[in-house]
Amino acid sequence: MAKKKEESLMRAEPSRGISPFEEAERWFEDVFKRPFPGFGPDWLPRLRMPAFEAVSPSVDIYRDKGDMVLKAEIPGMKKEDLNISITDDTVSISGEKKKEERVEKKDYYRYERSSGSFCRSFRLPKGVLADKAAAKFEDGVLEIRIPVSEEAKKEKKITIK
């Protein structure tokens, strides 16, 4: 009787080298998602830690009507708490969230504070017009639209030999 070979899934690494900052960010994300990796099998669901997950926004990047669109979910923050910077090849979003709650009632007193900051940067494709970028923040969703040049929009045909 042949023994089944046990295989584990491997994380696919990006084709370009990752920077030390990206490597550190990935390591911290892994630690907070599974703080005690030695306990329990890998198929168990990872622990959810909302305090850490709420600070780093989920981001979608896609093309729409000739624009590069970046959408980030940042609930509970105000536009005054956000910073956006853009260069020809990078867009960065950063912010700081501070929450303070005080409850005083007859039988008890509670005072809770939490805060956290984030910074996310994304490489932009060639041909974006960074100087014409526009952003809006509505209902906890930040949307950044960056027009793409006409040259970059053109479809390039490749012949097969």
Protein backbone atom coordinates (compact mmCIF):
# COMPACT_ATOMS: atom_id res chain seq x y z
CA MET A 1 0.00 0.00 0.00
CA ALA A 2 1.49 3.31 -1.10
CA LYS A 3 1.60 6.14 1.38
CA LYS A 4 0.02 9.40 0.34
CA LYS A 5 2.47 12.19 0.12
CA GLU A 6 1.41 15.15 2.24
CA GLU A 7 1.57 18.43 0.36
CA SER A 8 1.14 21.91 1.71
CA LEU A 9 0.20 25.02 -0.18
CA MET A 10 2.97 27.52 -0.69
CA ARG A 11 2.57 31.27 -0.88
CA ALA A 12 3.36 32.55 -4.37
CA GLU A 13 6.06 35.17 -4.25
CA PRO A 14 5.90 38.17 -6.57
CA SER A 15 8.17 38.07 -9.59
CA ARG A 16 9.95 41.27 -8.56
CA GLY A 17 11.96 41.45 -5.37
CA ILE A 18 10.04 42.81 -2.40
CA SER A 19 11.38 45.69 -0.39
CA PRO A 20 12.33 45.21 3.27
CA PHE A 21 9.32 47.37 4.21
CA GLU A 22 6.92 45.11 2.28
CA GLU A 23 8.52 42.04 3.87
CA ALA A 24 8.14 43.54 7.36
CA GLU A 25 4.52 44.50 6.66
CA ARG A 26 3.75 40.93 5.49
CA TRP A 27 5.43 39.51 8.60
CA PHE A 28 3.42 41.74 10.95
CA GLU A 29 0.17 40.88 9.12
CA ASP A 30 0.93 37.16 9.53
CA VAL A 31 1.73 37.58 13.24
CA PHE A 32 -1.51 39.42 13.97
CA LYS A 33 -3.65 37.04 11.92
CA ARG A 34 -2.16 33.96 13.62
CA PRO A 35 -0.33 35.10 16.76
CA PHE A 36 0.42 31.54 17.95
CA PRO A 37 1.26 29.58 14.79
CA GLY A 38 2.50 26.54 16.69
CA PHE A 39 -0.91 25.88 18.25
CA GLY A 40 -3.40 24.00 16.15
CA PRO A 41 -3.28 22.84 12.56
CA ASP A 42 -3.02 25.27 9.62
CA TRP A 43 -6.53 24.44 8.42
CA LEU A 44 -8.05 26.10 11.50
CA PRO A 45 -9.39 29.56 10.70
CA ARG A 46 -7.09 32.39 11.59
CA LEU A 47 -7.91 34.56 14.56
CA ARG A 48 -9.63 37.79 13.69
CA MET A 49 -8.37 40.85 15.50
CA PRO A 50 -10.67 43.70 14.48
CA ALA A 51 -8.62 46.32 16.30
CA PHE A 52 -5.73 45.68 13.92
CA GLU A 53 -7.74 44.96 10.78
CA ALA A 54 -9.83 48.13 11.09
CA VAL A 55 -6.78 50.39 10.83
CA SER A 56 -5.36 49.08 7.54
CA PRO A 57 -7.93 49.74 4.81
CA SER A 58 -8.99 47.25 2.16
CA VAL A 59 -8.10 48.63 -1.28
CA ASP A 60 -9.37 47.84 -4.78
CA ILE A 61 -7.50 49.07 -7.86
CA TYR A 62 -9.07 48.86 -11.31
CA ARG A 63 -9.62 50.73 -14.59
CA ASP A 64 -12.92 52.47 -15.28
CA LYS A 65 -13.77 54.74 -18.22
CA GLY A 66 -10.17 55.55 -19.02
CA ASP A 67 -9.20 56.22 -15.40
CA MET A 68 -7.14 54.25 -12.92
CA VAL A 69 -9.36 53.98 -9.84
CA LEU A 70 -8.21 53.24 -6.31
CA LYS A 71 -10.97 52.62 -3.74
CA ALA A 72 -10.19 52.23 -0.06
CA GLU A 73 -12.64 51.35 2.71
CA ILE A 74 -11.82 53.56 5.69
CA PRO A 75 -14.85 53.55 8.01
CA GLY A 76 -14.99 55.76 11.07
CA MET A 77 -12.47 58.29 9.79
CA LYS A 78 -12.88 61.86 8.58
CA LYS A 79 -11.31 63.25 5.43
CA GLU A 80 -9.27 65.60 7.61
CA ASP A 81 -7.54 62.53 9.12
CA LEU A 82 -6.34 61.28 5.70
CA ASN A 83 -3.27 62.20 3.65
CA ILE A 84 -2.86 61.35 -0.02
CA SER A 85 0.35 61.85 -1.97
CA ILE A 86 1.01 60.92 -5.57
CA THR A 87 4.02 60.84 -7.84
CA ASP A 88 4.36 59.66 -11.44
CA ASP A 89 4.57 56.02 -10.34
CA THR A 90 3.27 55.79 -6.74
CA VAL A 91 0.17 56.76 -4.79
CA SER A 92 0.27 56.70 -0.99
CA ILE A 93 -2.60 56.89 1.49
CA SER A 94 -2.00 57.43 5.17
CA GLY A 95 -4.10 58.36 8.15
CA GLU A 96 -4.58 58.16 11.85
CA LYS A 97 -7.68 56.98 13.63
CA LYS A 98 -8.41 58.07 17.17
CA LYS A 99 -11.43 56.96 19.13
CA GLU A 100 -12.39 57.99 22.62
CA GLU A 101 -15.49 56.87 24.46
CA ARG A 102 -16.51 57.89 27.95
CA VAL A 103 -19.58 56.55 29.74
CA GLU A 104 -20.54 57.75 33.19
CA LYS A 105 -23.62 56.27 34.77
CA LYS A 106 -24.86 55.86 38.28
CA ASP A 107 -23.38 52.39 38.83
CA TYR A 108 -20.28 52.44 36.67
CA TYR A 109 -17.69 54.48 34.84
CA ARG A 110 -16.01 53.46 31.58
CA TYR A 111 -13.37 55.29 29.58
CA GLU A 112 -11.96 53.66 26.46
CA ARG A 113 -9.44 54.99 24.00
CA SER A 114 -8.04 53.43 20.88
CA SER A 115 -5.90 54.72 18.09
CA GLY A 116 -3.96 53.49 15.16
CA SER A 117 -2.33 54.71 12.00
CA PHE A 118 -1.74 53.25 8.57
CA CYS A 119 0.20 53.97 5.43
CA ARG A 120 -0.33 52.11 2.17
CA SER A 121 1.51 52.76 -1.08
CA PHE A 122 0.77 51.39 -4.54
CA ARG A 123 2.74 51.47 -7.77
CA LEU A 124 0.95 53.01 -10.70
CA PRO A 125 1.27 51.80 -14.28
CA LYS A 126 3.10 53.90 -16.84
CA GLY A 127 0.99 56.45 -18.65
CA VAL A 128 -1.09 57.80 -15.76
CA LEU A 129 -1.54 61.56 -15.50
CA ALA A 130 -0.69 62.03 -11.83
CA ASP A 131 -1.13 65.81 -11.96
CA LYS A 132 -4.81 65.37 -12.90
CA ALA A 133 -5.70 62.98 -10.05
CA ALA A 134 -8.85 63.68 -8.02
CA ALA A 135 -10.10 62.22 -4.74
CA LYS A 136 -13.41 62.11 -2.91
CA PHE A 137 -14.34 60.65 0.46
CA GLU A 138 -17.92 59.66 1.09
CA ASP A 139 -19.53 57.25 3.59
CA GLY A 140 -16.18 55.81 4.67
CA VAL A 141 -14.98 55.09 1.13
CA LEU A 142 -12.05 56.98 -0.37
CA GLU A 143 -11.99 57.03 -4.17
CA ILE A 144 -8.98 58.31 -6.10
CA ARG A 145 -9.31 58.67 -9.88
CA ILE A 146 -6.20 59.11 -11.99
CA PRO A 147 -6.66 59.67 -15.73
CA VAL A 148 -4.66 57.47 -18.10
CA SER A 149 -2.98 59.02 -21.15
CA GLU A 150 -4.33 58.27 -24.62
CA GLU A 151 -1.05 56.54 -25.49
CA ALA A 152 -1.43 54.11 -22.58
CA LYS A 153 -5.08 53.38 -23.51
CA LYS A 154 -4.17 52.12 -26.98
CA GLU A 155 -4.37 48.38 -27.41
CA LYS A 156 -1.20 46.87 -28.79
CA LYS A 157 -1.50 43.86 -31.10
CA ILE A 158 1.17 41.19 -30.97
CA THR A 159 1.62 38.85 -33.90
CA ILE A 160 2.23 35.20 -33.27
CA LYS A 161 5.10 33.69 -35.26
